[in-house]
Protein backbone atom coordinates (compact mmCIF):
# COMPACT_ATOMS: atom_id res chain seq x y z
CA MET A 1 105.45 95.21 49.34
CA LYS A 2 102.72 96.10 52.07
CA THR A 3 101.92 99.78 52.21
CA SER A 4 102.05 101.43 55.78
CA ASP A 5 98.27 101.23 56.13
CA SER A 6 98.08 97.53 55.53
CA PHE A 7 100.94 96.89 57.63
CA HIS A 8 99.42 98.62 60.50
CA ASN A 9 95.99 97.01 59.72
CA SER A 10 97.47 93.46 59.87
CA ILE A 11 98.83 93.90 63.25
CA GLN A 12 96.70 93.48 66.39
CA PRO A 13 97.76 93.90 70.03
CA ALA A 14 97.23 91.16 72.46
CA ARG A 15 93.55 90.83 73.81
CA ARG A 16 94.52 92.11 77.25
CA VAL A 17 95.24 95.41 75.84
CA GLU A 18 91.70 95.69 74.65
CA THR A 19 90.31 95.03 78.24
CA VAL A 20 92.12 98.27 79.69
CA LYS A 21 91.62 101.92 78.96
CA GLU A 22 94.09 104.68 79.28
CA TYR A 23 94.33 105.52 83.11
CA TYR A 24 91.79 108.62 83.46
CA PHE A 25 94.55 110.67 85.21
CA SER A 26 96.64 110.07 82.16
CA ARG A 27 93.97 111.30 79.92
CA LYS A 28 92.55 114.10 81.74
CA LEU A 29 95.77 115.76 82.68
CA ARG A 30 96.50 115.91 79.08
CA GLU A 31 93.60 118.05 78.78
CA VAL A 32 94.55 119.97 81.89
CA ALA A 33 97.95 120.63 80.42
CA GLU A 34 96.32 122.13 77.08
CA LEU A 35 94.11 124.25 79.06
CA ASN A 36 97.18 125.77 81.02
CA ARG A 37 98.89 126.00 77.79
CA ARG A 38 96.14 128.38 76.64
CA GLY A 39 96.94 130.31 79.81
CA LEU A 40 93.58 129.32 81.92
CA ASP A 41 95.93 128.68 84.95
CA ILE A 42 93.97 125.38 86.27
CA ILE A 43 94.32 124.84 89.78
CA SER A 44 94.88 120.82 90.40
CA LEU A 45 92.84 119.34 93.25
CA GLY A 46 92.56 115.98 91.65
CA ILE A 47 96.06 114.06 91.93
CA GLY A 48 97.12 112.54 95.33
CA GLY A 49 100.87 113.34 94.51
CA PRO A 50 102.20 115.14 97.69
CA ASP A 51 103.70 118.76 96.81
CA ARG A 52 106.01 118.99 99.72
CA PRO A 53 109.78 117.55 99.77
CA PRO A 54 110.89 114.54 101.92
CA HIS A 55 112.91 115.53 105.03
CA ARG A 56 116.13 117.41 104.24
CA ASP A 57 118.27 114.35 105.79
CA VAL A 58 116.48 112.12 103.19
CA ILE A 59 117.67 114.19 100.20
CA THR A 60 121.13 114.63 101.90
CA THR A 61 121.52 110.75 102.33
CA LEU A 62 120.55 110.65 98.40
CA CYS A 63 122.89 113.21 97.24
CA GLU A 64 125.91 111.77 99.24
CA ASP A 65 125.50 108.13 98.21
CA ALA A 66 124.87 108.97 94.61
CA SER A 67 128.39 110.91 94.63
CA ARG A 68 130.20 107.61 95.44
CA SER A 69 131.80 105.76 92.47
CA ASP A 70 130.49 102.44 93.79
CA SER A 71 126.64 103.31 93.79
CA HIS A 72 125.74 102.80 90.38
CA SER A 73 125.71 99.16 89.86
CA TYR A 74 122.85 96.65 89.98
CA GLN A 75 121.21 96.10 93.29
CA PRO A 76 119.51 93.20 94.90
CA TYR A 77 116.28 92.10 93.65
CA VAL A 78 115.27 91.66 97.48
CA GLY A 79 116.60 95.29 98.22
CA VAL A 80 119.68 96.28 100.22
CA PRO A 81 119.86 94.75 104.04
CA GLN A 82 119.32 98.17 105.52
CA LEU A 83 116.16 98.84 103.62
CA ARG A 84 114.59 95.54 104.70
CA GLN A 85 115.51 96.08 108.41
CA ALA A 86 114.36 99.75 108.12
CA PHE A 87 111.12 98.30 107.03
CA ALA A 88 110.87 95.78 109.61
CA ASP A 89 111.89 98.36 112.23
CA TRP A 90 109.42 100.77 110.90
CA TYR A 91 106.38 98.15 111.23
CA LYS A 92 107.51 97.06 114.63
CA ARG A 93 107.78 100.95 116.08
CA VAL A 94 104.44 102.16 114.30
CA TYR A 95 102.14 99.31 114.28
CA GLY A 96 103.57 96.66 116.66
CA VAL A 97 104.12 94.16 113.97
CA THR A 98 106.93 91.91 114.26
CA LEU A 99 108.59 91.26 110.63
CA ASP A 100 111.40 89.05 109.59
CA PRO A 101 113.67 91.44 107.31
CA ALA A 102 115.11 88.75 105.52
CA THR A 103 112.09 86.70 104.66
CA GLU A 104 108.78 88.71 105.37
CA VAL A 105 109.57 91.93 103.58
CA GLN A 106 109.95 92.80 99.98
CA PRO A 107 110.85 96.21 98.74
CA LEU A 108 108.85 97.69 95.72
CA ILE A 109 109.25 99.97 93.04
CA GLY A 110 106.02 101.65 94.47
CA SER A 111 102.99 99.62 95.40
CA LYS A 112 101.22 99.95 92.21
CA GLU A 113 104.15 97.55 90.80
CA GLY A 114 103.08 95.37 93.70
CA ILE A 115 99.46 94.78 92.83
CA LEU A 116 100.88 93.58 89.34
CA HIS A 117 103.54 91.20 91.12
CA ILE A 118 100.78 89.80 93.62
CA SER A 119 98.22 89.52 90.83
CA LEU A 120 100.54 87.43 88.57
CA ALA A 121 101.63 85.25 91.55
CA PHE A 122 98.36 84.22 92.60
CA LEU A 123 95.98 84.33 89.62
CA ASN A 124 95.65 81.97 86.74
CA PRO A 125 93.48 83.21 83.86
CA GLY A 126 90.11 82.83 84.80
CA ASP A 127 90.52 82.83 88.81
CA GLY A 128 88.28 85.12 90.73
CA VAL A 129 89.47 88.03 92.25
CA LEU A 130 87.20 90.29 94.69
CA VAL A 131 87.73 94.16 93.76
CA PRO A 132 86.09 96.88 95.84
CA ASN A 133 83.52 99.18 94.24
CA PRO A 134 84.40 102.09 94.63
CA GLY A 135 87.87 101.37 94.72
CA TYR A 136 91.49 102.21 93.34
CA PRO A 137 91.26 101.63 89.48
CA THR A 138 94.42 99.77 89.40
CA TYR A 139 92.91 96.91 91.44
CA THR A 140 90.58 96.45 88.47
CA SER A 141 92.81 96.96 85.35
CA VAL A 142 95.48 94.74 86.79
CA SER A 143 93.29 92.08 87.58
CA ARG A 144 92.24 92.17 83.63
CA LEU A 145 95.56 92.31 82.50
CA ALA A 146 96.26 89.07 84.58
CA GLU A 147 92.88 87.64 82.80
CA ALA A 148 91.35 87.04 85.91
CA GLU A 149 87.47 87.04 86.67
CA ILE A 150 86.63 90.22 88.49
CA PHE A 151 83.86 89.92 91.02
CA THR A 152 83.11 93.65 92.52
CA TYR A 153 81.89 93.82 95.72
CA ASP A 154 79.93 96.89 97.01
CA LEU A 155 81.04 99.56 99.32
CA THR A 156 78.19 102.10 100.14
CA ALA A 157 77.61 104.85 102.48
CA GLU A 158 74.78 102.81 104.16
CA THR A 159 77.27 100.33 105.01
CA GLY A 160 79.77 102.86 106.13
CA TRP A 161 82.05 101.83 103.05
CA MET A 162 82.61 98.57 104.62
CA PRO A 163 82.41 95.11 103.09
CA ASP A 164 78.99 93.23 103.35
CA PHE A 165 80.25 89.76 104.63
CA GLU A 166 76.67 88.32 104.27
CA ALA A 167 76.92 89.53 100.63
CA LEU A 168 80.18 88.00 100.01
CA GLU A 169 79.20 84.77 101.41
CA LYS A 170 76.65 84.30 98.53
CA LEU A 171 79.48 84.72 95.69
CA PRO A 172 81.28 81.71 94.31
CA LEU A 173 84.15 81.57 96.64
CA ASP A 174 85.33 78.47 95.54
CA ARG A 175 86.64 80.20 92.20
CA ILE A 176 87.95 83.26 94.29
CA LYS A 177 91.89 83.38 94.99
CA LEU A 178 92.45 86.91 95.74
CA MET A 179 90.72 89.79 97.49
CA TRP A 180 91.83 93.70 97.30
CA VAL A 181 91.06 95.67 100.31
CA ASN A 182 92.47 99.05 101.38
CA TYR A 183 91.78 100.91 104.75
CA PRO A 184 91.86 103.97 105.32
CA HIS A 185 89.83 103.59 102.15
CA MET A 186 90.71 105.37 98.87
CA PRO A 187 88.54 107.24 97.56
CA THR A 188 86.06 107.45 100.61
CA GLY A 189 88.59 108.10 103.50
CA THR A 190 86.90 105.44 105.74
CA PRO A 191 89.33 104.71 108.64
CA ALA A 192 90.38 101.13 109.25
CA ASN A 193 89.62 99.26 112.59
CA LEU A 194 90.69 95.98 114.07
CA GLU A 195 87.19 94.56 113.88
CA LEU A 196 87.05 94.72 110.12
CA PHE A 197 90.70 93.49 110.31
CA GLU A 198 89.77 90.44 112.09
CA LYS A 199 86.68 89.60 110.01
CA LEU A 200 88.70 89.92 106.63
CA VAL A 201 91.27 87.44 107.99
CA ALA A 202 88.66 85.06 109.34
CA PHE A 203 87.05 85.54 106.01
CA GLY A 204 90.55 84.76 103.83
CA LYS A 205 91.30 81.56 105.81
CA LYS A 206 87.80 80.11 105.84
CA HIS A 207 87.65 80.35 101.97
CA ASN A 208 91.11 80.08 101.23
CA ILE A 209 91.37 83.50 99.93
CA VAL A 210 94.56 85.75 100.03
CA ILE A 211 93.50 89.08 101.56
CA ALA A 212 95.69 91.76 99.95
CA HIS A 213 95.39 94.85 102.05
CA ASP A 214 96.86 98.25 100.40
CA ASN A 215 97.98 100.59 103.29
CA PRO A 216 99.36 103.80 101.90
CA TYR A 217 96.90 106.17 103.90
CA SER A 218 97.49 105.18 107.49
CA PHE A 219 99.72 108.15 108.52
CA ILE A 220 97.81 110.83 106.84
CA LEU A 221 95.17 112.73 109.45
CA ASN A 222 95.18 109.68 111.25
CA SER A 223 96.26 109.30 114.79
CA LYS A 224 96.09 105.65 115.20
CA PRO A 225 97.71 103.80 112.09
CA LEU A 226 96.82 100.36 111.99
CA SER A 227 97.77 97.38 109.86
CA LEU A 228 96.00 94.32 109.11
CA LEU A 229 98.87 92.31 110.28
CA GLN A 230 98.37 93.21 113.68
CA VAL A 231 95.61 90.37 113.67
CA GLU A 232 96.85 87.12 114.94
CA GLY A 233 97.72 84.70 112.33
CA ALA A 234 97.04 87.37 109.63
CA LYS A 235 100.64 86.69 107.91
CA GLU A 236 99.22 83.20 107.07
CA ILE A 237 96.62 84.33 104.57
CA ALA A 238 97.40 87.92 104.16
CA ILE A 239 99.88 90.33 102.30
CA GLU A 240 100.24 93.96 103.14
CA LEU A 241 101.50 96.80 100.82
CA ASN A 242 102.93 100.04 102.10
CA SER A 243 104.38 103.05 100.47
CA LEU A 244 106.44 105.96 101.28
CA SER A 245 104.66 108.01 98.58
CA LYS A 246 102.14 109.48 100.77
CA SER A 247 103.43 109.25 104.34
CA HIS A 248 106.95 110.41 103.23
CA ASN A 249 106.27 112.73 100.26
CA MET A 250 108.42 110.19 98.07
CA ALA A 251 105.74 109.83 95.22
CA GLY A 252 108.17 110.13 92.54
CA TRP A 253 110.71 107.97 94.21
CA ARG A 254 108.66 104.85 93.78
CA MET A 255 109.73 103.13 97.17
CA ALA A 256 107.30 100.83 98.80
CA MET A 257 107.30 97.43 100.17
CA LEU A 258 104.88 94.30 100.97
CA ALA A 259 105.03 92.19 103.85
CA SER A 260 103.70 88.59 104.55
CA ASN A 261 104.88 85.12 105.13
CA PRO A 262 107.99 83.79 103.53
CA GLN A 263 106.14 81.48 101.13
CA PHE A 264 104.10 84.41 99.62
CA VAL A 265 106.95 86.73 99.47
CA GLU A 266 108.96 84.02 97.68
CA TRP A 267 106.38 83.60 95.31
CA VAL A 268 106.08 87.38 94.61
CA LEU A 269 109.76 87.58 94.18
CA LYS A 270 109.77 84.88 91.51
CA VAL A 271 107.61 87.27 89.58
CA LYS A 272 109.26 90.39 90.00
CA SER A 273 112.75 89.20 89.69
CA ASN A 274 111.71 88.32 86.19
CA ILE A 275 110.15 91.81 85.46
CA ASP A 276 112.38 94.37 86.95
CA SER A 277 115.66 94.90 88.56
CA GLY A 278 116.92 96.18 91.89
CA GLN A 279 116.34 99.99 92.95
CA PHE A 280 119.17 102.56 92.67
CA ARG A 281 121.07 102.01 95.93
CA PRO A 282 121.01 105.76 97.12
CA MET A 283 117.44 105.84 96.85
CA GLN A 284 117.23 102.93 99.01
CA LEU A 285 119.50 104.55 101.62
CA ALA A 286 117.49 107.68 101.55
CA ALA A 287 114.40 105.46 102.00
CA VAL A 288 116.04 104.02 105.24
CA LYS A 289 116.33 107.67 106.70
CA ALA A 290 112.78 108.31 105.85
CA LEU A 291 111.76 105.66 107.83
CA GLU A 292 113.69 106.79 110.73
CA ALA A 293 111.28 110.14 110.92
CA SER A 294 110.57 111.08 114.34
CA ASP A 295 106.93 111.58 115.36
CA GLU A 296 107.45 115.26 115.10
CA TRP A 297 107.98 114.82 111.19
CA TYR A 298 104.30 113.26 110.88
CA GLU A 299 102.78 115.59 113.40
CA GLU A 300 104.09 118.85 111.49
CA LEU A 301 103.12 116.86 107.94
CA ASN A 302 99.42 116.39 109.41
CA ALA A 303 99.41 119.97 110.75
CA GLU A 304 99.80 121.22 107.12
CA TYR A 305 97.21 118.83 106.02
CA SER A 306 94.94 119.89 108.66
CA ARG A 307 94.66 123.24 107.45
CA ARG A 308 94.34 122.32 103.95
CA ARG A 309 91.28 119.83 105.00
CA LYS A 310 89.60 122.99 106.31
CA VAL A 311 89.61 124.60 103.29
CA ALA A 312 88.81 121.41 101.15
CA GLU A 313 85.50 120.87 103.27
CA GLN A 314 84.67 124.69 102.55
CA ILE A 315 84.99 123.74 98.90
CA MET A 316 82.80 120.98 99.20
CA GLU A 317 80.08 123.12 100.90
CA ALA A 318 80.70 125.55 97.97
CA LEU A 319 79.45 122.99 95.68
CA GLY A 320 76.67 121.94 97.65
CA CYS A 321 78.30 118.69 98.30
CA THR A 322 78.06 116.71 101.75
CA PHE A 323 80.68 114.59 103.26
CA ASP A 324 81.57 112.71 106.46
CA PRO A 325 84.08 114.54 108.55
CA SER A 326 85.84 111.44 110.03
CA GLN A 327 87.43 110.86 106.78
CA LYS A 328 91.00 110.15 107.08
CA GLY A 329 93.75 110.47 104.14
CA LEU A 330 94.86 112.65 101.40
CA PHE A 331 91.50 113.33 100.07
CA LEU A 332 87.88 114.59 100.99
CA TRP A 333 84.93 112.61 99.36
CA GLY A 334 81.74 114.12 98.95
CA ARG A 335 78.37 113.50 98.01
CA ILE A 336 76.96 115.94 95.06
CA ALA A 337 73.67 117.65 95.46
CA ASP A 338 70.62 115.67 94.09
CA ASN A 339 70.00 118.23 91.42
CA GLU A 340 73.39 117.54 89.85
CA ALA A 341 73.56 115.03 86.72
CA SER A 342 76.63 113.12 88.14
CA GLY A 343 79.87 113.59 89.58
CA GLU A 344 81.67 113.60 86.25
CA ALA A 345 79.16 116.61 85.06
CA LEU A 346 80.10 118.51 88.09
CA ALA A 347 83.53 117.99 87.99
CA ASP A 348 83.70 119.18 84.26
CA LYS A 349 81.72 122.27 85.32
CA VAL A 350 84.14 123.11 87.86
CA LEU A 351 87.09 122.50 85.39
CA TYR A 352 85.68 124.74 82.75
CA GLU A 353 83.70 127.59 84.64
CA ALA A 354 85.82 127.68 87.87
CA ARG A 355 89.27 126.56 86.34
CA VAL A 356 89.62 124.02 89.18
CA PHE A 357 90.36 120.21 88.37
CA ILE A 358 88.46 117.67 91.05
CA THR A 359 88.10 114.06 90.48
CA PRO A 360 84.79 112.75 89.62
CA GLY A 361 84.08 109.72 91.62
CA PHE A 362 82.78 107.42 88.79
CA ILE A 363 86.38 106.52 87.78
CA PHE A 364 86.49 104.34 90.99
CA GLY A 365 83.52 102.59 90.10
CA SER A 366 79.86 102.72 89.76
CA ASN A 367 79.31 103.46 93.60
CA GLY A 368 81.06 106.80 93.20
CA ASP A 369 79.11 108.32 90.28
CA ARG A 370 77.31 110.57 92.66
CA TYR A 371 80.65 111.44 94.52
CA VAL A 372 83.50 114.05 93.82
CA ARG A 373 87.06 113.77 95.57
CA ILE A 374 89.28 116.72 96.29
CA SER A 375 92.83 116.26 96.74
CA LEU A 376 94.78 118.13 99.88
CA CYS A 377 97.98 117.76 97.66
CA ALA A 378 98.11 121.64 96.50
CA THR A 379 99.38 124.37 98.74
CA GLU A 380 96.72 126.33 101.09
CA GLU A 381 96.99 129.45 99.29
CA ASN A 382 96.05 127.50 96.05
CA MET A 383 93.37 125.78 97.51
CA ARG A 384 91.86 128.99 98.92
CA ARG A 385 92.32 130.53 95.31
CA ALA A 386 90.28 127.57 94.13
CA LEU A 387 87.53 128.26 96.67
CA GLU A 388 87.24 131.80 95.70
CA ARG A 389 86.88 130.74 92.12
CA ILE A 390 84.14 128.33 92.77
CA LYS A 391 82.40 130.85 95.06
CA GLU A 392 82.27 132.97 92.30
CA ALA A 393 81.36 130.54 89.59
CA PHE A 394 78.75 128.84 91.64
CA PRO A 395 77.09 131.51 93.81
CA ARG A 396 74.81 130.11 96.47
CA ASP A 397 72.05 131.62 98.45
């Protein structure tokens, strides 16, 4: 009979498991939880998880429909018709983009799920995928799980955190099938513009590369939300992801969508329908209510984030960091002082000496090594407490 040790030594995971690491926040938040268990009262300015609730009508809708006896069965893989229509109406109202709710919209259990489904739908093992550096780490990890070949493209302060299309043209583009882009950009907060979107669509069409645009931040501290699909002909080559996590304070609800041409949506649905099932109907109907939010909802939400952003800027200054004030979205991205060893070293000093958790930029790619990121997803009171702790721990002349 095999011993326990010999049994475990004979079992090995799939190679793809060895290509990815545990998500940074999964590991670091365990450390923060342990520090809190010891009574250190860590103030978290790390995660981009909204701390405010959705609109009260959203919660009322959820509760009312969940109380019905007929609300608890499996739901369609394509989502209920009301939700697809609501997404299409939302895109028309805020972006001026017309979508067929029956064929051009696919609800998702969060856009992170959509990243996986798109990758599996378009990438064979060995196919090339363009991933931004810095960028959302999931683009890289999911590409590895899909066994694709990753080609990073540099985003730097010198280029305004925009793609260098001349540099892209020098890559082996005949091997590349998919490109991930994200504006307003996370983590740098760089806003979108139509000129960039037009260049991306033209680039995708020229080289037969699907442009996948991740667009969850366009409503936060941003008076002009833009969609890649506003570009004429974009749906022919592009897929756009959007989410209610940030814009409607529904991160834990896992309500998102993608939009594209009917063929791309059908291919993604083939993958998705073999991996998960439909979302809980009361949550879908509550999402419909969220998508009907008035302009006043966004204005009130952004007024709160604007107050927090002012404190975040003071925190950056207290840390000796510099930042671009034109940033959009849920975070503030700052370059550390030249005398600091790295963003990771500074973030750890802030954690251990000031009991404040901020995010080091290296987790988003090597171009983020000299940066840190502050989340606006903490109350203004807690952000001011964090500021005072940092001033006390790091006094400046």
